[in-house]
Full PDB file with SEQRES, HELIX, SHEET, SSBOND, CRYST1, ORIGX, SCALE, CONECT and MASTER records, all heavy atoms in Angstrom:
SEQRES   1 A   38  LYS LEU THR GLN ILE THR LYS ILE PHE LEU TYR LEU GLU          
SEQRES   2 A   38  THR ILE ALA LYS PHE SER PRO ASN ALA SER GLN LYS LEU          
SEQRES   3 A   38  ASN PRO ASP SER LYS ARG GLU LYS ASN LEU LEU SER              
HELIX    1 AA1 LEU A    2  ILE A    5  1                                   4    
HELIX    2 AA2 PRO A   20  ALA A   22  5                                   3    
CRYST1    1.000    1.000    1.000  90.00  90.00  90.00 P 1           1          
ORIGX1      1.000000  0.000000  0.000000        0.00000                         
ORIGX2      0.000000  1.000000  0.000000        0.00000                         
ORIGX3      0.000000  0.000000  1.000000        0.00000                         
SCALE1      1.000000  0.000000  0.000000        0.00000                         
SCALE2      0.000000  1.000000  0.000000        0.00000                         
SCALE3      0.000000  0.000000  1.000000        0.00000                         
ATOM      1  N   LYS A   1     -13.734  -3.408 -36.004  1.00  0.00           N  
ATOM      2  CA  LYS A   1     -13.564  -4.173 -37.201  1.00  0.00           C  
ATOM      3  C   LYS A   1     -13.768  -5.674 -36.993  1.00  0.00           C  
ATOM      4  O   LYS A   1     -14.446  -6.305 -37.746  1.00  0.00           O  
ATOM      5  CB  LYS A   1     -12.095  -3.979 -37.755  1.00  0.00           C  
ATOM      6  CG  LYS A   1     -11.828  -2.493 -38.188  1.00  0.00           C  
ATOM      7  CD  LYS A   1     -12.461  -2.104 -39.434  1.00  0.00           C  
ATOM      8  CE  LYS A   1     -11.937  -0.742 -39.956  1.00  0.00           C  
ATOM      9  NZ  LYS A   1     -12.637  -0.325 -41.200  1.00  0.00           N  
ATOM     10  N   LEU A   2     -13.235  -6.139 -35.839  1.00  0.00           N  
ATOM     11  CA  LEU A   2     -13.340  -7.649 -35.576  1.00  0.00           C  
ATOM     12  C   LEU A   2     -14.868  -7.893 -35.331  1.00  0.00           C  
ATOM     13  O   LEU A   2     -15.270  -9.008 -35.699  1.00  0.00           O  
ATOM     14  CB  LEU A   2     -12.540  -7.956 -34.380  1.00  0.00           C  
ATOM     15  CG  LEU A   2     -10.973  -7.778 -34.556  1.00  0.00           C  
ATOM     16  CD1 LEU A   2     -10.283  -7.998 -33.376  1.00  0.00           C  
ATOM     17  CD2 LEU A   2     -10.500  -8.743 -35.698  1.00  0.00           C  
ATOM     18  N   THR A   3     -15.600  -7.002 -34.497  1.00  0.00           N  
ATOM     19  CA  THR A   3     -16.848  -7.313 -34.300  1.00  0.00           C  
ATOM     20  C   THR A   3     -17.753  -7.385 -35.532  1.00  0.00           C  
ATOM     21  O   THR A   3     -18.849  -8.066 -35.605  1.00  0.00           O  
ATOM     22  CB  THR A   3     -17.511  -6.327 -33.288  1.00  0.00           C  
ATOM     23  OG1 THR A   3     -17.578  -5.027 -33.881  1.00  0.00           O  
ATOM     24  CG2 THR A   3     -16.760  -6.319 -31.952  1.00  0.00           C  
ATOM     25  N   GLN A   4     -17.357  -6.611 -36.552  1.00  0.00           N  
ATOM     26  CA  GLN A   4     -18.155  -6.575 -37.773  1.00  0.00           C  
ATOM     27  C   GLN A   4     -18.073  -7.838 -38.560  1.00  0.00           C  
ATOM     28  O   GLN A   4     -18.978  -8.198 -39.261  1.00  0.00           O  
ATOM     29  CB  GLN A   4     -17.681  -5.392 -38.554  1.00  0.00           C  
ATOM     30  CG  GLN A   4     -18.168  -3.984 -38.013  1.00  0.00           C  
ATOM     31  CD  GLN A   4     -17.494  -2.798 -38.811  1.00  0.00           C  
ATOM     32  OE1 GLN A   4     -16.460  -2.980 -39.484  1.00  0.00           O  
ATOM     33  NE2 GLN A   4     -18.048  -1.638 -38.553  1.00  0.00           N  
ATOM     34  N   ILE A   5     -16.913  -8.499 -38.564  1.00  0.00           N  
ATOM     35  CA  ILE A   5     -16.740  -9.656 -39.454  1.00  0.00           C  
ATOM     36  C   ILE A   5     -17.114 -10.954 -38.890  1.00  0.00           C  
ATOM     37  O   ILE A   5     -17.135 -11.935 -39.431  1.00  0.00           O  
ATOM     38  CB  ILE A   5     -15.281  -9.720 -39.989  1.00  0.00           C  
ATOM     39  CG1 ILE A   5     -14.333  -9.866 -38.879  1.00  0.00           C  
ATOM     40  CG2 ILE A   5     -15.040  -8.469 -40.911  1.00  0.00           C  
ATOM     41  CD1 ILE A   5     -12.865 -10.129 -39.372  1.00  0.00           C  
ATOM     42  N   THR A   6     -17.386 -10.964 -37.517  1.00  0.00           N  
ATOM     43  CA  THR A   6     -17.849 -12.202 -36.864  1.00  0.00           C  
ATOM     44  C   THR A   6     -19.393 -12.337 -36.985  1.00  0.00           C  
ATOM     45  O   THR A   6     -20.071 -11.284 -36.816  1.00  0.00           O  
ATOM     46  CB  THR A   6     -17.409 -12.268 -35.442  1.00  0.00           C  
ATOM     47  OG1 THR A   6     -17.710 -13.631 -34.987  1.00  0.00           O  
ATOM     48  CG2 THR A   6     -17.939 -11.293 -34.510  1.00  0.00           C  
ATOM     49  N   LYS A   7     -19.768 -13.553 -37.135  1.00  0.00           N  
ATOM     50  CA  LYS A   7     -21.265 -13.825 -37.162  1.00  0.00           C  
ATOM     51  C   LYS A   7     -21.734 -14.298 -35.755  1.00  0.00           C  
ATOM     52  O   LYS A   7     -22.822 -13.999 -35.400  1.00  0.00           O  
ATOM     53  CB  LYS A   7     -21.554 -14.906 -38.185  1.00  0.00           C  
ATOM     54  CG  LYS A   7     -23.029 -15.138 -38.478  1.00  0.00           C  
ATOM     55  CD  LYS A   7     -23.207 -16.299 -39.494  1.00  0.00           C  
ATOM     56  CE  LYS A   7     -22.687 -15.799 -40.808  1.00  0.00           C  
ATOM     57  NZ  LYS A   7     -22.882 -16.943 -41.869  1.00  0.00           N  
ATOM     58  N   ILE A   8     -20.903 -14.946 -35.066  1.00  0.00           N  
ATOM     59  CA  ILE A   8     -21.310 -15.524 -33.774  1.00  0.00           C  
ATOM     60  C   ILE A   8     -20.299 -15.211 -32.684  1.00  0.00           C  
ATOM     61  O   ILE A   8     -20.674 -14.485 -31.763  1.00  0.00           O  
ATOM     62  CB  ILE A   8     -21.476 -17.158 -33.845  1.00  0.00           C  
ATOM     63  CG1 ILE A   8     -22.431 -17.410 -35.080  1.00  0.00           C  
ATOM     64  CG2 ILE A   8     -21.867 -17.750 -32.541  1.00  0.00           C  
ATOM     65  CD1 ILE A   8     -22.549 -18.991 -35.252  1.00  0.00           C  
ATOM     66  N   PHE A   9     -19.111 -15.694 -32.657  1.00  0.00           N  
ATOM     67  CA  PHE A   9     -18.170 -15.513 -31.551  1.00  0.00           C  
ATOM     68  C   PHE A   9     -16.948 -14.727 -32.013  1.00  0.00           C  
ATOM     69  O   PHE A   9     -16.510 -14.648 -33.073  1.00  0.00           O  
ATOM     70  CB  PHE A   9     -17.616 -16.957 -31.118  1.00  0.00           C  
ATOM     71  CG  PHE A   9     -18.586 -17.782 -30.438  1.00  0.00           C  
ATOM     72  CD1 PHE A   9     -19.184 -18.862 -30.973  1.00  0.00           C  
ATOM     73  CD2 PHE A   9     -18.980 -17.469 -29.109  1.00  0.00           C  
ATOM     74  CE1 PHE A   9     -20.091 -19.716 -30.292  1.00  0.00           C  
ATOM     75  CE2 PHE A   9     -19.930 -18.223 -28.387  1.00  0.00           C  
ATOM     76  CZ  PHE A   9     -20.466 -19.421 -29.018  1.00  0.00           C  
ATOM     77  N   LEU A  10     -16.504 -13.982 -30.914  1.00  0.00           N  
ATOM     78  CA  LEU A  10     -15.181 -13.273 -30.973  1.00  0.00           C  
ATOM     79  C   LEU A  10     -14.364 -13.617 -29.815  1.00  0.00           C  
ATOM     80  O   LEU A  10     -14.911 -13.612 -28.626  1.00  0.00           O  
ATOM     81  CB  LEU A  10     -15.469 -11.737 -31.053  1.00  0.00           C  
ATOM     82  CG  LEU A  10     -14.261 -10.884 -30.892  1.00  0.00           C  
ATOM     83  CD1 LEU A  10     -13.286 -11.032 -32.081  1.00  0.00           C  
ATOM     84  CD2 LEU A  10     -14.581  -9.381 -30.787  1.00  0.00           C  
ATOM     85  N   TYR A  11     -13.178 -14.027 -29.950  1.00  0.00           N  
ATOM     86  CA  TYR A  11     -12.236 -14.246 -28.841  1.00  0.00           C  
ATOM     87  C   TYR A  11     -11.128 -13.300 -28.899  1.00  0.00           C  
ATOM     88  O   TYR A  11     -10.353 -13.244 -29.914  1.00  0.00           O  
ATOM     89  CB  TYR A  11     -11.725 -15.766 -28.843  1.00  0.00           C  
ATOM     90  CG  TYR A  11     -10.673 -15.940 -27.759  1.00  0.00           C  
ATOM     91  CD1 TYR A  11     -11.093 -16.008 -26.423  1.00  0.00           C  
ATOM     92  CD2 TYR A  11      -9.307 -16.060 -28.132  1.00  0.00           C  
ATOM     93  CE1 TYR A  11     -10.137 -16.111 -25.422  1.00  0.00           C  
ATOM     94  CE2 TYR A  11      -8.339 -16.289 -27.100  1.00  0.00           C  
ATOM     95  CZ  TYR A  11      -8.694 -16.356 -25.841  1.00  0.00           C  
ATOM     96  OH  TYR A  11      -7.885 -16.425 -24.754  1.00  0.00           O  
ATOM     97  N   LEU A  12     -10.893 -12.561 -27.851  1.00  0.00           N  
ATOM     98  CA  LEU A  12      -9.808 -11.571 -27.775  1.00  0.00           C  
ATOM     99  C   LEU A  12      -8.870 -11.885 -26.597  1.00  0.00           C  
ATOM    100  O   LEU A  12      -9.291 -12.221 -25.471  1.00  0.00           O  
ATOM    101  CB  LEU A  12     -10.416 -10.128 -27.514  1.00  0.00           C  
ATOM    102  CG  LEU A  12     -11.249  -9.470 -28.703  1.00  0.00           C  
ATOM    103  CD1 LEU A  12     -11.726  -8.100 -28.182  1.00  0.00           C  
ATOM    104  CD2 LEU A  12     -10.430  -9.402 -29.934  1.00  0.00           C  
ATOM    105  N   GLU A  13      -7.576 -11.898 -26.894  1.00  0.00           N  
ATOM    106  CA  GLU A  13      -6.561 -12.033 -25.790  1.00  0.00           C  
ATOM    107  C   GLU A  13      -5.454 -11.051 -26.101  1.00  0.00           C  
ATOM    108  O   GLU A  13      -5.053 -10.834 -27.230  1.00  0.00           O  
ATOM    109  CB  GLU A  13      -6.002 -13.418 -25.855  1.00  0.00           C  
ATOM    110  CG  GLU A  13      -4.999 -13.692 -24.737  1.00  0.00           C  
ATOM    111  CD  GLU A  13      -4.461 -15.115 -24.704  1.00  0.00           C  
ATOM    112  OE1 GLU A  13      -5.335 -16.043 -24.911  1.00  0.00           O  
ATOM    113  OE2 GLU A  13      -3.251 -15.310 -24.613  1.00  0.00           O  
ATOM    114  N   THR A  14      -5.137 -10.308 -25.066  1.00  0.00           N  
ATOM    115  CA  THR A  14      -4.108  -9.290 -25.186  1.00  0.00           C  
ATOM    116  C   THR A  14      -3.487  -8.886 -23.843  1.00  0.00           C  
ATOM    117  O   THR A  14      -4.114  -9.120 -22.785  1.00  0.00           O  
ATOM    118  CB  THR A  14      -4.720  -8.037 -25.909  1.00  0.00           C  
ATOM    119  OG1 THR A  14      -3.666  -6.985 -26.170  1.00  0.00           O  
ATOM    120  CG2 THR A  14      -5.735  -7.315 -24.997  1.00  0.00           C  
ATOM    121  N   ILE A  15      -2.371  -8.218 -23.939  1.00  0.00           N  
ATOM    122  CA  ILE A  15      -1.768  -7.603 -22.613  1.00  0.00           C  
ATOM    123  C   ILE A  15      -2.528  -6.262 -22.517  1.00  0.00           C  
ATOM    124  O   ILE A  15      -2.467  -5.418 -23.420  1.00  0.00           O  
ATOM    125  CB  ILE A  15      -0.304  -7.371 -22.868  1.00  0.00           C  
ATOM    126  CG1 ILE A  15       0.423  -8.694 -22.966  1.00  0.00           C  
ATOM    127  CG2 ILE A  15       0.233  -6.590 -21.603  1.00  0.00           C  
ATOM    128  CD1 ILE A  15       2.019  -8.581 -23.243  1.00  0.00           C  
ATOM    129  N   ALA A  16      -3.130  -6.202 -21.381  1.00  0.00           N  
ATOM    130  CA  ALA A  16      -3.956  -4.964 -21.068  1.00  0.00           C  
ATOM    131  C   ALA A  16      -3.288  -4.155 -19.997  1.00  0.00           C  
ATOM    132  O   ALA A  16      -2.286  -4.562 -19.384  1.00  0.00           O  
ATOM    133  CB  ALA A  16      -5.410  -5.338 -20.588  1.00  0.00           C  
ATOM    134  N   LYS A  17      -3.778  -2.940 -19.894  1.00  0.00           N  
ATOM    135  CA  LYS A  17      -3.241  -2.042 -18.822  1.00  0.00           C  
ATOM    136  C   LYS A  17      -3.404  -2.775 -17.438  1.00  0.00           C  
ATOM    137  O   LYS A  17      -4.320  -3.453 -17.166  1.00  0.00           O  
ATOM    138  CB  LYS A  17      -4.099  -0.695 -18.814  1.00  0.00           C  
ATOM    139  CG  LYS A  17      -3.615   0.357 -17.894  1.00  0.00           C  
ATOM    140  CD  LYS A  17      -4.475   1.527 -18.021  1.00  0.00           C  
ATOM    141  CE  LYS A  17      -4.072   2.646 -17.119  1.00  0.00           C  
ATOM    142  NZ  LYS A  17      -4.915   3.864 -17.269  1.00  0.00           N  
ATOM    143  N   PHE A  18      -2.421  -2.553 -16.622  1.00  0.00           N  
ATOM    144  CA  PHE A  18      -2.287  -3.113 -15.296  1.00  0.00           C  
ATOM    145  C   PHE A  18      -1.848  -4.514 -15.234  1.00  0.00           C  
ATOM    146  O   PHE A  18      -1.529  -5.078 -14.142  1.00  0.00           O  
ATOM    147  CB  PHE A  18      -3.619  -2.998 -14.506  1.00  0.00           C  
ATOM    148  CG  PHE A  18      -4.205  -1.624 -14.479  1.00  0.00           C  
ATOM    149  CD1 PHE A  18      -5.450  -1.409 -14.900  1.00  0.00           C  
ATOM    150  CD2 PHE A  18      -3.476  -0.591 -13.908  1.00  0.00           C  
ATOM    151  CE1 PHE A  18      -6.036  -0.040 -14.919  1.00  0.00           C  
ATOM    152  CE2 PHE A  18      -4.040   0.763 -13.820  1.00  0.00           C  
ATOM    153  CZ  PHE A  18      -5.281   0.985 -14.317  1.00  0.00           C  
ATOM    154  N   SER A  19      -1.618  -5.182 -16.380  1.00  0.00           N  
ATOM    155  CA  SER A  19      -1.092  -6.557 -16.407  1.00  0.00           C  
ATOM    156  C   SER A  19       0.430  -6.413 -16.134  1.00  0.00           C  
ATOM    157  O   SER A  19       1.070  -5.538 -16.546  1.00  0.00           O  
ATOM    158  CB  SER A  19      -1.198  -7.193 -17.821  1.00  0.00           C  
ATOM    159  OG  SER A  19      -0.394  -8.306 -17.855  1.00  0.00           O  
ATOM    160  N   PRO A  20       0.910  -7.442 -15.310  1.00  0.00           N  
ATOM    161  CA  PRO A  20       2.357  -7.387 -15.014  1.00  0.00           C  
ATOM    162  C   PRO A  20       3.251  -7.553 -16.387  1.00  0.00           C  
ATOM    163  O   PRO A  20       4.312  -6.976 -16.447  1.00  0.00           O  
ATOM    164  CB  PRO A  20       2.660  -8.668 -14.158  1.00  0.00           C  
ATOM    165  CG  PRO A  20       1.361  -9.470 -14.317  1.00  0.00           C  
ATOM    166  CD  PRO A  20       0.279  -8.484 -14.675  1.00  0.00           C  
ATOM    167  N   ASN A  21       2.551  -8.145 -17.349  1.00  0.00           N  
ATOM    168  CA  ASN A  21       3.255  -8.326 -18.628  1.00  0.00           C  
ATOM    169  C   ASN A  21       3.362  -6.999 -19.418  1.00  0.00           C  
ATOM    170  O   ASN A  21       4.005  -6.959 -20.497  1.00  0.00           O  
ATOM    171  CB  ASN A  21       2.545  -9.372 -19.502  1.00  0.00           C  
ATOM    172  CG  ASN A  21       2.905 -10.703 -18.999  1.00  0.00           C  
ATOM    173  OD1 ASN A  21       4.073 -10.970 -18.458  1.00  0.00           O  
ATOM    174  ND2 ASN A  21       1.964 -11.611 -19.094  1.00  0.00           N  
ATOM    175  N   ALA A  22       2.604  -5.893 -18.964  1.00  0.00           N  
ATOM    176  CA  ALA A  22       2.704  -4.638 -19.654  1.00  0.00           C  
ATOM    177  C   ALA A  22       3.932  -3.926 -19.215  1.00  0.00           C  
ATOM    178  O   ALA A  22       4.321  -2.876 -19.902  1.00  0.00           O  
ATOM    179  CB  ALA A  22       1.456  -3.844 -19.219  1.00  0.00           C  
ATOM    180  N   SER A  23       4.676  -4.402 -18.194  1.00  0.00           N  
ATOM    181  CA  SER A  23       5.899  -3.771 -17.763  1.00  0.00           C  
ATOM    182  C   SER A  23       7.038  -3.981 -18.625  1.00  0.00           C  
ATOM    183  O   SER A  23       7.367  -5.212 -18.952  1.00  0.00           O  
ATOM    184  CB  SER A  23       6.193  -4.265 -16.336  1.00  0.00           C  
ATOM    185  OG  SER A  23       7.440  -3.928 -15.904  1.00  0.00           O  
ATOM    186  N   GLN A  24       7.727  -2.958 -19.121  1.00  0.00           N  
ATOM    187  CA  GLN A  24       8.889  -3.268 -19.913  1.00  0.00           C  
ATOM    188  C   GLN A  24      10.009  -3.871 -19.112  1.00  0.00           C  
ATOM    189  O   GLN A  24      10.965  -4.533 -19.669  1.00  0.00           O  
ATOM    190  CB  GLN A  24       9.367  -1.950 -20.526  1.00  0.00           C  
ATOM    191  CG  GLN A  24       8.448  -1.399 -21.701  1.00  0.00           C  
ATOM    192  CD  GLN A  24       8.481  -2.261 -22.902  1.00  0.00           C  
ATOM    193  OE1 GLN A  24       9.414  -3.109 -23.149  1.00  0.00           O  
ATOM    194  NE2 GLN A  24       7.444  -2.162 -23.787  1.00  0.00           N  
ATOM    195  N   LYS A  25      10.030  -3.625 -17.936  1.00  0.00           N  
ATOM    196  CA  LYS A  25      11.009  -4.074 -17.028  1.00  0.00           C  
ATOM    197  C   LYS A  25      10.904  -5.679 -16.814  1.00  0.00           C  
ATOM    198  O   LYS A  25      11.818  -6.467 -16.953  1.00  0.00           O  
ATOM    199  CB  LYS A  25      11.072  -3.480 -15.622  1.00  0.00           C  
ATOM    200  CG  LYS A  25      12.134  -3.966 -14.664  1.00  0.00           C  
ATOM    201  CD  LYS A  25      12.100  -3.255 -13.379  1.00  0.00           C  
ATOM    202  CE  LYS A  25      13.161  -3.732 -12.401  1.00  0.00           C  
ATOM    203  NZ  LYS A  25      13.176  -2.973 -11.106  1.00  0.00           N  
ATOM    204  N   LEU A  26       9.634  -6.117 -16.629  1.00  0.00           N  
ATOM    205  CA  LEU A  26       9.366  -7.491 -16.463  1.00  0.00           C  
ATOM    206  C   LEU A  26       9.232  -8.243 -17.757  1.00  0.00           C  
ATOM    207  O   LEU A  26       9.561  -9.431 -17.877  1.00  0.00           O  
ATOM    208  CB  LEU A  26       8.060  -7.729 -15.641  1.00  0.00           C  
ATOM    209  CG  LEU A  26       8.065  -7.194 -14.259  1.00  0.00           C  
ATOM    210  CD1 LEU A  26       6.751  -7.397 -13.577  1.00  0.00           C  
ATOM    211  CD2 LEU A  26       9.107  -7.964 -13.375  1.00  0.00           C  
ATOM    212  N   ASN A  27       8.717  -7.526 -18.746  1.00  0.00           N  
ATOM    213  CA  ASN A  27       8.480  -8.212 -20.098  1.00  0.00           C  
ATOM    214  C   ASN A  27       8.892  -7.224 -21.175  1.00  0.00           C  
ATOM    215  O   ASN A  27       7.903  -6.555 -21.839  1.00  0.00           O  
ATOM    216  CB  ASN A  27       7.017  -8.531 -20.142  1.00  0.00           C  
ATOM    217  CG  ASN A  27       6.604  -9.187 -21.540  1.00  0.00           C  
ATOM    218  OD1 ASN A  27       7.452  -9.774 -22.239  1.00  0.00           O  
ATOM    219  ND2 ASN A  27       5.364  -9.052 -21.945  1.00  0.00           N  
ATOM    220  N   PRO A  28      10.135  -7.039 -21.448  1.00  0.00           N  
ATOM    221  CA  PRO A  28      10.506  -6.053 -22.463  1.00  0.00           C  
ATOM    222  C   PRO A  28      10.121  -6.359 -23.884  1.00  0.00           C  
ATOM    223  O   PRO A  28      10.348  -7.490 -24.353  1.00  0.00           O  
ATOM    224  CB  PRO A  28      12.120  -6.077 -22.355  1.00  0.00           C  
ATOM    225  CG  PRO A  28      12.350  -7.388 -21.775  1.00  0.00           C  
ATOM    226  CD  PRO A  28      11.272  -7.757 -20.816  1.00  0.00           C  
ATOM    227  N   ASP A  29       9.554  -5.390 -24.535  1.00  0.00           N  
ATOM    228  CA  ASP A  29       9.189  -5.505 -25.954  1.00  0.00           C  
ATOM    229  C   ASP A  29       9.011  -4.122 -26.523  1.00  0.00           C  
ATOM    230  O   ASP A  29       8.077  -3.343 -26.187  1.00  0.00           O  
ATOM    231  CB  ASP A  29       7.726  -6.155 -26.022  1.00  0.00           C  
ATOM    232  CG  ASP A  29       7.356  -6.440 -27.438  1.00  0.00           C  
ATOM    233  OD1 ASP A  29       7.875  -5.864 -28.359  1.00  0.00           O  
ATOM    234  OD2 ASP A  29       6.474  -7.416 -27.668  1.00  0.00           O  
ATOM    235  N   SER A  30       9.986  -3.734 -27.334  1.00  0.00           N  
ATOM    236  CA  SER A  30      10.074  -2.269 -27.805  1.00  0.00           C  
ATOM    237  C   SER A  30       8.902  -2.007 -28.777  1.00  0.00           C  
ATOM    238  O   SER A  30       8.606  -0.856 -28.979  1.00  0.00           O  
ATOM    239  CB  SER A  30      11.441  -2.115 -28.501  1.00  0.00           C  
ATOM    240  OG  SER A  30      11.557  -2.998 -29.599  1.00  0.00           O  
ATOM    241  N   LYS A  31       8.289  -2.958 -29.259  1.00  0.00           N  
ATOM    242  CA  LYS A  31       7.213  -2.755 -30.219  1.00  0.00           C  
ATOM    243  C   LYS A  31       5.756  -2.625 -29.504  1.00  0.00           C  
ATOM    244  O   LYS A  31       4.818  -2.088 -30.128  1.00  0.00           O  
ATOM    245  CB  LYS A  31       7.073  -3.912 -31.272  1.00  0.00           C  
ATOM    246  CG  LYS A  31       8.334  -3.936 -32.218  1.00  0.00           C  
ATOM    247  CD  LYS A  31       8.227  -5.061 -33.102  1.00  0.00           C  
ATOM    248  CE  LYS A  31       9.461  -5.034 -34.087  1.00  0.00           C  
ATOM    249  NZ  LYS A  31      10.725  -4.830 -33.527  1.00  0.00           N  
ATOM    250  N   ARG A  32       5.667  -2.980 -28.268  1.00  0.00           N  
ATOM    251  CA  ARG A  32       4.421  -2.862 -27.556  1.00  0.00           C  
ATOM    252  C   ARG A  32       4.177  -1.400 -27.110  1.00  0.00           C  
ATOM    253  O   ARG A  32       5.119  -0.791 -26.735  1.00  0.00           O  
ATOM    254  CB  ARG A  32       4.462  -3.781 -26.301  1.00  0.00           C  
ATOM    255  CG  ARG A  32       3.099  -3.872 -25.646  1.00  0.00           C  
ATOM    256  CD  ARG A  32       3.133  -4.894 -24.446  1.00  0.00           C  
ATOM    257  NE  ARG A  32       4.092  -4.475 -23.441  1.00  0.00           N  
ATOM    258  CZ  ARG A  32       5.164  -5.135 -23.084  1.00  0.00           C  
ATOM    259  NH1 ARG A  32       5.531  -6.284 -23.739  1.00  0.00           N  
ATOM    260  NH2 ARG A  32       6.009  -4.719 -22.194  1.00  0.00           N  
ATOM    261  N   GLU A  33       2.975  -1.011 -27.325  1.00  0.00           N  
ATOM    262  CA  GLU A  33       2.548   0.367 -26.875  1.00  0.00           C  
ATOM    263  C   GLU A  33       2.653   0.562 -25.373  1.00  0.00           C  
ATOM    264  O   GLU A  33       2.355  -0.420 -24.663  1.00  0.00           O  
ATOM    265  CB  GLU A  33       1.215   0.719 -27.323  1.00  0.00           C  
ATOM    266  CG  GLU A  33       1.077   0.785 -28.932  1.00  0.00           C  
ATOM    267  CD  GLU A  33       1.785   2.067 -29.462  1.00  0.00           C  
ATOM    268  OE1 GLU A  33       1.931   3.073 -28.742  1.00  0.00           O  
ATOM    269  OE2 GLU A  33       2.338   1.949 -30.610  1.00  0.00           O  
ATOM    270  N   LYS A  34       2.955   1.748 -24.941  1.00  0.00           N  
ATOM    271  CA  LYS A  34       2.978   2.047 -23.522  1.00  0.00           C  
ATOM    272  C   LYS A  34       1.584   2.226 -22.884  1.00  0.00           C  
ATOM    273  O   LYS A  34       1.360   1.863 -21.748  1.00  0.00           O  
ATOM    274  CB  LYS A  34       3.871   3.211 -23.273  1.00  0.00           C  
ATOM    275  CG  LYS A  34       5.345   3.077 -23.580  1.00  0.00           C  
ATOM    276  CD  LYS A  34       6.118   4.301 -23.388  1.00  0.00           C  
ATOM    277  CE  LYS A  34       7.502   4.088 -23.650  1.00  0.00           C  
ATOM    278  NZ  LYS A  34       8.404   5.384 -23.441  1.00  0.00           N  
ATOM    279  N   ASN A  35       0.701   2.917 -23.749  1.00  0.00           N  
ATOM    280  CA  ASN A  35      -0.588   3.324 -23.192  1.00  0.00           C  
ATOM    281  C   ASN A  35      -1.587   2.315 -23.750  1.00  0.00           C  
ATOM    282  O   ASN A  35      -2.018   2.423 -24.859  1.00  0.00           O  
ATOM    283  CB  ASN A  35      -0.841   4.696 -23.664  1.00  0.00           C  
ATOM    284  CG  ASN A  35      -2.174   5.227 -23.006  1.00  0.00           C  
ATOM    285  OD1 ASN A  35      -2.643   4.716 -21.941  1.00  0.00           O  
ATOM    286  ND2 ASN A  35      -2.808   6.345 -23.459  1.00  0.00           N  
ATOM    287  N   LEU A  36      -1.862   1.290 -22.837  1.00  0.00           N  
ATOM    288  CA  LEU A  36      -2.755   0.166 -23.331  1.00  0.00           C  
ATOM    289  C   LEU A  36      -4.179   0.330 -22.907  1.00  0.00           C  
ATOM    290  O   LEU A  36      -4.476   0.934 -21.903  1.00  0.00           O  
ATOM    291  CB  LEU A  36      -2.228  -1.210 -22.828  1.00  0.00           C  
ATOM    292  CG  LEU A  36      -0.745  -1.538 -23.172  1.00  0.00           C  
ATOM    293  CD1 LEU A  36      -0.320  -2.761 -22.453  1.00  0.00           C  
ATOM    294  CD2 LEU A  36      -0.624  -1.781 -24.683  1.00  0.00           C  
ATOM    295  N   LEU A  37      -5.077  -0.342 -23.651  1.00  0.00           N  
ATOM    296  CA  LEU A  37      -6.464  -0.397 -23.144  1.00  0.00           C  
ATOM    297  C   LEU A  37      -6.525  -1.268 -21.861  1.00  0.00           C  
ATOM    298  O   LEU A  37      -5.821  -2.244 -21.712  1.00  0.00           O  
ATOM    299  CB  LEU A  37      -7.305  -1.102 -24.211  1.00  0.00           C  
ATOM    300  CG  LEU A  37      -7.597  -0.324 -25.569  1.00  0.00           C  
ATOM    301  CD1 LEU A  37      -8.399  -1.112 -26.552  1.00  0.00           C  
ATOM    302  CD2 LEU A  37      -8.321   0.997 -25.287  1.00  0.00           C  
ATOM    303  N   SER A  38      -7.396  -0.881 -20.983  1.00  0.00           N  
ATOM    304  CA  SER A  38      -7.651  -1.659 -19.810  1.00  0.00           C  
ATOM    305  C   SER A  38      -8.658  -2.822 -20.157  1.00  0.00           C  
ATOM    306  O   SER A  38      -9.248  -2.782 -21.236  1.00  0.00           O  
ATOM    307  CB  SER A  38      -8.268  -0.881 -18.672  1.00  0.00           C  
ATOM    308  OG  SER A  38      -9.547  -0.499 -18.999  1.00  0.00           O  
TER     309      SER A  38                                                      
MASTER        0    0    0    2    0    0    0    6  308    1    0    3          
END                                                                             
């Protein structure tokens, strides 16, 4: 959806699989999904 509405640039930033911030122990967030895109 994001690629469709941009004409030139797209900037994406997210917690991805294997990031230390994906750990609920190190970075607890009950709303974040467990199975993330890499």
